[in-house]
Amino acid sequence: MTSTPPHAETLTEAIQALGGTWDAERALTALFGAGYRSADVEAGEKRARQVLRDLADAGVVVR
């Protein structure tokens, strides 16, 4: 089994701790809080959406 990418780990922990509804903006805020900095907001939101899709595929979140 491969290791979980750091962004996915960060969001998994935040989602489990905070619950509620997650979107790209909230996910990006959580990633910023963990020290992730993207080149621009659009790139950061794109990365956050990808991580959320990956977590949904893994069964961590429900779409």
PDB file of N, CA and C in Angstrom:
ATOM      1  N   MET A   1       0.841  -1.180   0.000  1.00  0.00           N
ATOM      2  CA  MET A   1       0.000   0.000   0.000  1.00  0.00           C
ATOM      3  C   MET A   1       0.886   1.243   0.000  1.00  0.00           C
ATOM      4  N   THR A   2       0.503   2.261  -0.773  1.00  0.00           N
ATOM      5  CA  THR A   2       1.299   3.474  -0.837  1.00  0.00           C
ATOM      6  C   THR A   2       0.940   4.389   0.318  1.00  0.00           C
ATOM      7  N   SER A   3       1.845   5.274   0.649  1.00  0.00           N
ATOM      8  CA  SER A   3       1.578   6.205   1.736  1.00  0.00           C
ATOM      9  C   SER A   3       0.591   7.277   1.273  1.00  0.00           C
ATOM     10  N   THR A   4      -0.142   7.843   2.210  1.00  0.00           N
ATOM     11  CA  THR A   4      -1.102   8.888   1.903  1.00  0.00           C
ATOM     12  C   THR A   4      -0.367  10.195   1.677  1.00  0.00           C
ATOM     13  N   PRO A   5      -0.703  10.914   0.586  1.00  0.00           N
ATOM     14  CA  PRO A   5      -0.054  12.206   0.343  1.00  0.00           C
ATOM     15  C   PRO A   5      -0.317  13.169   1.495  1.00  0.00           C
ATOM     16  N   PRO A   6       0.634  14.048   1.790  1.00  0.00           N
ATOM     17  CA  PRO A   6       0.485  14.970   2.920  1.00  0.00           C
ATOM     18  C   PRO A   6      -0.780  15.828   2.868  1.00  0.00           C
ATOM     19  N   HIS A   7      -1.177  16.290   1.675  1.00  0.00           N
ATOM     20  CA  HIS A   7      -2.388  17.111   1.582  1.00  0.00           C
ATOM     21  C   HIS A   7      -3.612  16.297   1.971  1.00  0.00           C
ATOM     22  N   ALA A   8      -3.667  15.055   1.548  1.00  0.00           N
ATOM     23  CA  ALA A   8      -4.801  14.206   1.890  1.00  0.00           C
ATOM     24  C   ALA A   8      -4.835  13.940   3.389  1.00  0.00           C
ATOM     25  N   GLU A   9      -3.677  13.718   3.982  1.00  0.00           N
ATOM     26  CA  GLU A   9      -3.613  13.502   5.430  1.00  0.00           C
ATOM     27  C   GLU A   9      -4.107  14.740   6.173  1.00  0.00           C
ATOM     28  N   THR A  10      -3.666  15.902   5.741  1.00  0.00           N
ATOM     29  CA  THR A  10      -4.058  17.154   6.374  1.00  0.00           C
ATOM     30  C   THR A  10      -5.562  17.346   6.302  1.00  0.00           C
ATOM     31  N   LEU A  11      -6.140  17.138   5.114  1.00  0.00           N
ATOM     32  CA  LEU A  11      -7.581  17.323   4.971  1.00  0.00           C
ATOM     33  C   LEU A  11      -8.368  16.253   5.702  1.00  0.00           C
ATOM     34  N   THR A  12      -7.888  15.034   5.704  1.00  0.00           N
ATOM     35  CA  THR A  12      -8.578  13.972   6.436  1.00  0.00           C
ATOM     36  C   THR A  12      -8.666  14.328   7.910  1.00  0.00           C
ATOM     37  N   GLU A  13      -7.577  14.781   8.486  1.00  0.00           N
ATOM     38  CA  GLU A  13      -7.574  15.169   9.897  1.00  0.00           C
ATOM     39  C   GLU A  13      -8.534  16.332  10.151  1.00  0.00           C
ATOM     40  N   ALA A  14      -8.524  17.329   9.272  1.00  0.00           N
ATOM     41  CA  ALA A  14      -9.402  18.487   9.442  1.00  0.00           C
ATOM     42  C   ALA A  14     -10.867  18.090   9.307  1.00  0.00           C
ATOM     43  N   ILE A  15     -11.172  17.266   8.324  1.00  0.00           N
ATOM     44  CA  ILE A  15     -12.553  16.829   8.101  1.00  0.00           C
ATOM     45  C   ILE A  15     -13.046  16.024   9.291  1.00  0.00           C
ATOM     46  N   GLN A  16     -12.225  15.125   9.800  1.00  0.00           N
ATOM     47  CA  GLN A  16     -12.621  14.314  10.945  1.00  0.00           C
ATOM     48  C   GLN A  16     -12.789  15.166  12.196  1.00  0.00           C
ATOM     49  N   ALA A  17     -11.956  16.169  12.372  1.00  0.00           N
ATOM     50  CA  ALA A  17     -12.028  17.012  13.564  1.00  0.00           C
ATOM     51  C   ALA A  17     -13.186  18.010  13.498  1.00  0.00           C
ATOM     52  N   LEU A  18     -13.434  18.572  12.310  1.00  0.00           N
ATOM     53  CA  LEU A  18     -14.396  19.656  12.190  1.00  0.00           C
ATOM     54  C   LEU A  18     -15.748  19.238  11.636  1.00  0.00           C
ATOM     55  N   GLY A  19     -15.769  18.151  10.833  1.00  0.00           N
ATOM     56  CA  GLY A  19     -17.026  17.702  10.231  1.00  0.00           C
ATOM     57  C   GLY A  19     -17.610  18.747   9.299  1.00  0.00           C
ATOM     58  N   GLY A  20     -18.870  18.583   8.988  1.00  0.00           N
ATOM     59  CA  GLY A  20     -19.571  19.548   8.154  1.00  0.00           C
ATOM     60  C   GLY A  20     -19.349  19.350   6.668  1.00  0.00           C
ATOM     61  N   THR A  21     -19.753  20.357   5.919  1.00  0.00           N
ATOM     62  CA  THR A  21     -19.670  20.345   4.465  1.00  0.00           C
ATOM     63  C   THR A  21     -18.351  20.968   4.021  1.00  0.00           C
ATOM     64  N   TRP A  22     -17.704  20.314   3.074  1.00  0.00           N
ATOM     65  CA  TRP A  22     -16.410  20.786   2.589  1.00  0.00           C
ATOM     66  C   TRP A  22     -16.491  21.121   1.103  1.00  0.00           C
ATOM     67  N   ASP A  23     -15.894  22.245   0.734  1.00  0.00           N
ATOM     68  CA  ASP A  23     -15.750  22.635  -0.657  1.00  0.00           C
ATOM     69  C   ASP A  23     -14.295  23.046  -0.871  1.00  0.00           C
ATOM     70  N   ALA A  24     -13.975  23.448  -2.088  1.00  0.00           N
ATOM     71  CA  ALA A  24     -12.579  23.790  -2.402  1.00  0.00           C
ATOM     72  C   ALA A  24     -12.072  24.928  -1.533  1.00  0.00           C
ATOM     73  N   GLU A  25     -12.907  25.927  -1.277  1.00  0.00           N
ATOM     74  CA  GLU A  25     -12.464  27.082  -0.487  1.00  0.00           C
ATOM     75  C   GLU A  25     -12.146  26.668   0.957  1.00  0.00           C
ATOM     76  N   ARG A  26     -13.018  25.868   1.555  1.00  0.00           N
ATOM     77  CA  ARG A  26     -12.769  25.428   2.936  1.00  0.00           C
ATOM     78  C   ARG A  26     -11.546  24.514   2.994  1.00  0.00           C
ATOM     79  N   ALA A  27     -11.418  23.634   2.001  1.00  0.00           N
ATOM     80  CA  ALA A  27     -10.272  22.733   1.953  1.00  0.00           C
ATOM     81  C   ALA A  27      -8.975  23.524   1.796  1.00  0.00           C
ATOM     82  N   LEU A  28      -8.997  24.537   0.948  1.00  0.00           N
ATOM     83  CA  LEU A  28      -7.803  25.360   0.738  1.00  0.00           C
ATOM     84  C   LEU A  28      -7.437  26.106   2.022  1.00  0.00           C
ATOM     85  N   THR A  29      -8.431  26.577   2.750  1.00  0.00           N
ATOM     86  CA  THR A  29      -8.177  27.247   4.026  1.00  0.00           C
ATOM     87  C   THR A  29      -7.492  26.287   4.999  1.00  0.00           C
ATOM     88  N   ALA A  30      -7.962  25.046   5.048  1.00  0.00           N
ATOM     89  CA  ALA A  30      -7.339  24.042   5.925  1.00  0.00           C
ATOM     90  C   ALA A  30      -5.909  23.757   5.485  1.00  0.00           C
ATOM     91  N   LEU A  31      -5.687  23.672   4.186  1.00  0.00           N
ATOM     92  CA  LEU A  31      -4.328  23.433   3.686  1.00  0.00           C
ATOM     93  C   LEU A  31      -3.424  24.625   3.995  1.00  0.00           C
ATOM     94  N   PHE A  32      -3.936  25.847   3.844  1.00  0.00           N
ATOM     95  CA  PHE A  32      -3.154  27.042   4.196  1.00  0.00           C
ATOM     96  C   PHE A  32      -2.768  26.984   5.665  1.00  0.00           C
ATOM     97  N   GLY A  33      -3.708  26.580   6.516  1.00  0.00           N
ATOM     98  CA  GLY A  33      -3.439  26.476   7.938  1.00  0.00           C
ATOM     99  C   GLY A  33      -2.342  25.480   8.264  1.00  0.00           C
ATOM    100  N   ALA A  34      -2.163  24.491   7.383  1.00  0.00           N
ATOM    101  CA  ALA A  34      -1.127  23.472   7.576  1.00  0.00           C
ATOM    102  C   ALA A  34       0.182  23.841   6.885  1.00  0.00           C
ATOM    103  N   GLY A  35       0.222  25.047   6.301  1.00  0.00           N
ATOM    104  CA  GLY A  35       1.470  25.509   5.706  1.00  0.00           C
ATOM    105  C   GLY A  35       1.570  25.389   4.198  1.00  0.00           C
ATOM    106  N   TYR A  36       0.542  24.867   3.509  1.00  0.00           N
ATOM    107  CA  TYR A  36       0.576  24.755   2.053  1.00  0.00           C
ATOM    108  C   TYR A  36       0.387  26.130   1.434  1.00  0.00           C
ATOM    109  N   ARG A  37       1.222  26.467   0.500  1.00  0.00           N
ATOM    110  CA  ARG A  37       1.083  27.727  -0.233  1.00  0.00           C
ATOM    111  C   ARG A  37       1.180  27.424  -1.719  1.00  0.00           C
ATOM    112  N   SER A  38       0.156  27.835  -2.448  1.00  0.00           N
ATOM    113  CA  SER A  38       0.163  27.621  -3.891  1.00  0.00           C
ATOM    114  C   SER A  38       0.662  28.877  -4.596  1.00  0.00           C
ATOM    115  N   ALA A  39       0.938  28.720  -5.884  1.00  0.00           N
ATOM    116  CA  ALA A  39       1.401  29.858  -6.671  1.00  0.00           C
ATOM    117  C   ALA A  39       0.323  30.941  -6.743  1.00  0.00           C
ATOM    118  N   ASP A  40      -0.926  30.528  -6.823  1.00  0.00           N
ATOM    119  CA  ASP A  40      -2.049  31.461  -6.825  1.00  0.00           C
ATOM    120  C   ASP A  40      -3.290  30.743  -6.298  1.00  0.00           C
ATOM    121  N   VAL A  41      -4.333  31.495  -6.055  1.00  0.00           N
ATOM    122  CA  VAL A  41      -5.552  30.936  -5.467  1.00  0.00           C
ATOM    123  C   VAL A  41      -6.179  29.897  -6.396  1.00  0.00           C
ATOM    124  N   GLU A  42      -6.203  30.176  -7.685  1.00  0.00           N
ATOM    125  CA  GLU A  42      -6.811  29.244  -8.640  1.00  0.00           C
ATOM    126  C   GLU A  42      -6.101  27.893  -8.611  1.00  0.00           C
ATOM    127  N   ALA A  43      -4.788  27.904  -8.592  1.00  0.00           N
ATOM    128  CA  ALA A  43      -4.024  26.658  -8.530  1.00  0.00           C
ATOM    129  C   ALA A  43      -4.267  25.942  -7.211  1.00  0.00           C
ATOM    130  N   GLY A  44      -4.363  26.699  -6.129  1.00  0.00           N
ATOM    131  CA  GLY A  44      -4.628  26.108  -4.822  1.00  0.00           C
ATOM    132  C   GLY A  44      -5.993  25.462  -4.763  1.00  0.00           C
ATOM    133  N   GLU A  45      -7.008  26.135  -5.298  1.00  0.00           N
ATOM    134  CA  GLU A  45      -8.358  25.565  -5.315  1.00  0.00           C
ATOM    135  C   GLU A  45      -8.416  24.315  -6.189  1.00  0.00           C
ATOM    136  N   LYS A  46      -7.692  24.332  -7.294  1.00  0.00           N
ATOM    137  CA  LYS A  46      -7.637  23.158  -8.168  1.00  0.00           C
ATOM    138  C   LYS A  46      -7.041  21.976  -7.402  1.00  0.00           C
ATOM    139  N   ARG A  47      -5.954  22.210  -6.678  1.00  0.00           N
ATOM    140  CA  ARG A  47      -5.318  21.157  -5.878  1.00  0.00           C
ATOM    141  C   ARG A  47      -6.258  20.680  -4.779  1.00  0.00           C
ATOM    142  N   ALA A  48      -6.950  21.597  -4.127  1.00  0.00           N
ATOM    143  CA  ALA A  48      -7.880  21.236  -3.063  1.00  0.00           C
ATOM    144  C   ALA A  48      -9.018  20.380  -3.608  1.00  0.00           C
ATOM    145  N   ARG A  49      -9.549  20.723  -4.782  1.00  0.00           N
ATOM    146  CA  ARG A  49     -10.618  19.914  -5.392  1.00  0.00           C
ATOM    147  C   ARG A  49     -10.124  18.511  -5.712  1.00  0.00           C
ATOM    148  N   GLN A  50      -8.887  18.408  -6.205  1.00  0.00           N
ATOM    149  CA  GLN A  50      -8.336  17.090  -6.517  1.00  0.00           C
ATOM    150  C   GLN A  50      -8.198  16.244  -5.263  1.00  0.00           C
ATOM    151  N   VAL A  51      -7.716  16.843  -4.189  1.00  0.00           N
ATOM    152  CA  VAL A  51      -7.575  16.099  -2.932  1.00  0.00           C
ATOM    153  C   VAL A  51      -8.943  15.658  -2.425  1.00  0.00           C
ATOM    154  N   LEU A  52      -9.945  16.538  -2.517  1.00  0.00           N
ATOM    155  CA  LEU A  52     -11.297  16.154  -2.095  1.00  0.00           C
ATOM    156  C   LEU A  52     -11.838  15.001  -2.940  1.00  0.00           C
ATOM    157  N   ARG A  53     -11.584  15.025  -4.249  1.00  0.00           N
ATOM    158  CA  ARG A  53     -12.013  13.908  -5.114  1.00  0.00           C
ATOM    159  C   ARG A  53     -11.311  12.626  -4.709  1.00  0.00           C
ATOM    160  N   ASP A  54     -10.009  12.716  -4.429  1.00  0.00           N
ATOM    161  CA  ASP A  54      -9.254  11.537  -4.000  1.00  0.00           C
ATOM    162  C   ASP A  54      -9.801  10.975  -2.692  1.00  0.00           C
ATOM    163  N   LEU A  55     -10.152  11.855  -1.761  1.00  0.00           N
ATOM    164  CA  LEU A  55     -10.708  11.411  -0.483  1.00  0.00           C
ATOM    165  C   LEU A  55     -12.093  10.793  -0.677  1.00  0.00           C
ATOM    166  N   ALA A  56     -12.869  11.328  -1.606  1.00  0.00           N
ATOM    167  CA  ALA A  56     -14.176  10.739  -1.906  1.00  0.00           C
ATOM    168  C   ALA A  56     -14.012   9.353  -2.506  1.00  0.00           C
ATOM    169  N   ASP A  57     -13.042   9.201  -3.405  1.00  0.00           N
ATOM    170  CA  ASP A  57     -12.769   7.882  -4.007  1.00  0.00           C
ATOM    171  C   ASP A  57     -12.314   6.876  -2.950  1.00  0.00           C
ATOM    172  N   ALA A  58     -11.621   7.370  -1.910  1.00  0.00           N
ATOM    173  CA  ALA A  58     -11.136   6.506  -0.849  1.00  0.00           C
ATOM    174  C   ALA A  58     -12.191   6.250   0.232  1.00  0.00           C
ATOM    175  N   GLY A  59     -13.343   6.919   0.103  1.00  0.00           N
ATOM    176  CA  GLY A  59     -14.424   6.716   1.064  1.00  0.00           C
ATOM    177  C   GLY A  59     -14.323   7.551   2.321  1.00  0.00           C
ATOM    178  N   VAL A  60     -13.407   8.515   2.343  1.00  0.00           N
ATOM    179  CA  VAL A  60     -13.245   9.355   3.527  1.00  0.00           C
ATOM    180  C   VAL A  60     -14.364  10.382   3.608  1.00  0.00           C
ATOM    181  N   VAL A  61     -14.768  10.933   2.465  1.00  0.00           N
ATOM    182  CA  VAL A  61     -15.858  11.898   2.399  1.00  0.00           C
ATOM    183  C   VAL A  61     -16.911  11.398   1.411  1.00  0.00           C
ATOM    184  N   VAL A  62     -18.114  11.911   1.551  1.00  0.00           N
ATOM    185  CA  VAL A  62     -19.215  11.556   0.660  1.00  0.00           C
ATOM    186  C   VAL A  62     -19.530  12.782  -0.179  1.00  0.00           C
ATOM    187  N   ARG A  63     -19.698  12.562  -1.463  1.00  0.00           N
ATOM    188  CA  ARG A  63     -20.034  13.681  -2.349  1.00  0.00           C
ATOM    189  C   ARG A  63     -21.478  14.074  -2.184  1.00  0.00           C
TER     190      ARG A  63
END
